[in-house]
């Protein structure tokens, strides 16, 4: 869970997709953070979550809609 004010805009089980999402957001001027919630013992469990500041949520969701699984 991120600090207050941060909103989850993308969720994936694939590391590279999370970083593509982050790169797309940052190219558009939106600061993004990837939270790795993979289990370090069993790498097949867990996911990657991409968060942005609350005021950037709508713009981020619009940018990322084509990336959704």
Protein backbone atom coordinates (compact mmCIF):
# COMPACT_ATOMS: atom_id res chain seq x y z
CA UNK A 1 0.00 0.00 0.00
CA UNK A 2 1.34 3.40 -0.96
CA UNK A 3 1.15 6.57 1.10
CA UNK A 4 -2.03 8.63 1.11
CA UNK A 5 -2.57 10.56 -2.09
CA UNK A 6 -1.09 7.88 -4.38
CA UNK A 7 -3.46 5.94 -6.64
CA UNK A 8 -2.94 2.56 -8.26
CA UNK A 9 -3.35 2.90 -12.04
CA UNK A 10 -1.87 -0.36 -13.34
CA UNK A 11 -1.54 -3.94 -12.10
CA UNK A 12 0.33 -6.77 -13.79
CA UNK A 13 2.18 -9.97 -12.98
CA UNK A 14 4.89 -9.09 -15.52
CA UNK A 15 7.84 -6.91 -14.55
CA UNK A 16 8.43 -5.56 -18.05
CA UNK A 17 4.77 -4.44 -18.45
CA UNK A 18 4.96 -2.48 -15.19
CA UNK A 19 8.08 -0.70 -16.41
CA UNK A 20 6.54 0.03 -19.82
CA UNK A 21 3.60 1.63 -18.00
CA UNK A 22 5.94 3.67 -15.81
CA UNK A 23 7.96 4.83 -18.83
CA UNK A 24 4.81 5.88 -20.72
CA UNK A 25 3.62 7.89 -17.75
CA UNK A 26 6.97 9.57 -17.17
CA UNK A 27 7.28 10.47 -20.87
CA UNK A 28 3.95 12.29 -20.44
CA UNK A 29 5.30 14.16 -17.40
CA UNK A 30 3.52 12.03 -14.78
CA UNK A 31 5.67 10.80 -11.89
CA UNK A 32 5.10 7.08 -11.38
CA UNK A 33 6.30 4.43 -8.93
CA UNK A 34 6.39 0.64 -9.43
CA UNK A 35 5.71 -1.40 -6.33
CA UNK A 36 7.07 -4.95 -6.61
CA UNK A 37 4.88 -7.31 -4.60
CA UNK A 38 6.41 -10.53 -5.91
CA UNK A 39 7.17 -13.13 -3.28
CA UNK A 40 10.97 -13.35 -3.19
CA UNK A 41 10.86 -17.08 -2.47
CA UNK A 42 8.26 -18.05 -5.08
CA UNK A 43 8.59 -15.66 -8.00
CA UNK A 44 5.42 -16.98 -9.63
CA UNK A 45 3.23 -15.37 -6.94
CA UNK A 46 2.45 -11.69 -6.64
CA UNK A 47 2.24 -8.69 -8.88
CA UNK A 48 3.62 -5.31 -9.81
CA UNK A 49 1.54 -2.22 -9.11
CA UNK A 50 2.07 1.21 -10.67
CA UNK A 51 1.06 4.25 -8.64
CA UNK A 52 0.74 7.95 -9.45
CA UNK A 53 -0.21 11.02 -7.44
CA UNK A 54 -3.97 11.38 -6.97
CA UNK A 55 -4.23 14.46 -9.17
CA UNK A 56 -2.66 12.52 -12.08
CA UNK A 57 -4.92 9.46 -11.78
CA UNK A 58 -7.38 10.29 -14.59
CA UNK A 59 -4.65 11.25 -17.07
CA UNK A 60 -2.64 8.15 -16.17
CA UNK A 61 -5.61 5.82 -16.62
CA UNK A 62 -6.30 7.36 -20.02
CA UNK A 63 -2.68 6.89 -21.12
CA UNK A 64 -2.56 3.29 -19.91
CA UNK A 65 -5.93 2.02 -21.14
CA UNK A 66 -4.37 0.31 -24.16
CA UNK A 67 -1.89 -1.57 -21.94
CA UNK A 68 -4.56 -3.24 -19.83
CA UNK A 69 -4.46 -7.05 -19.98
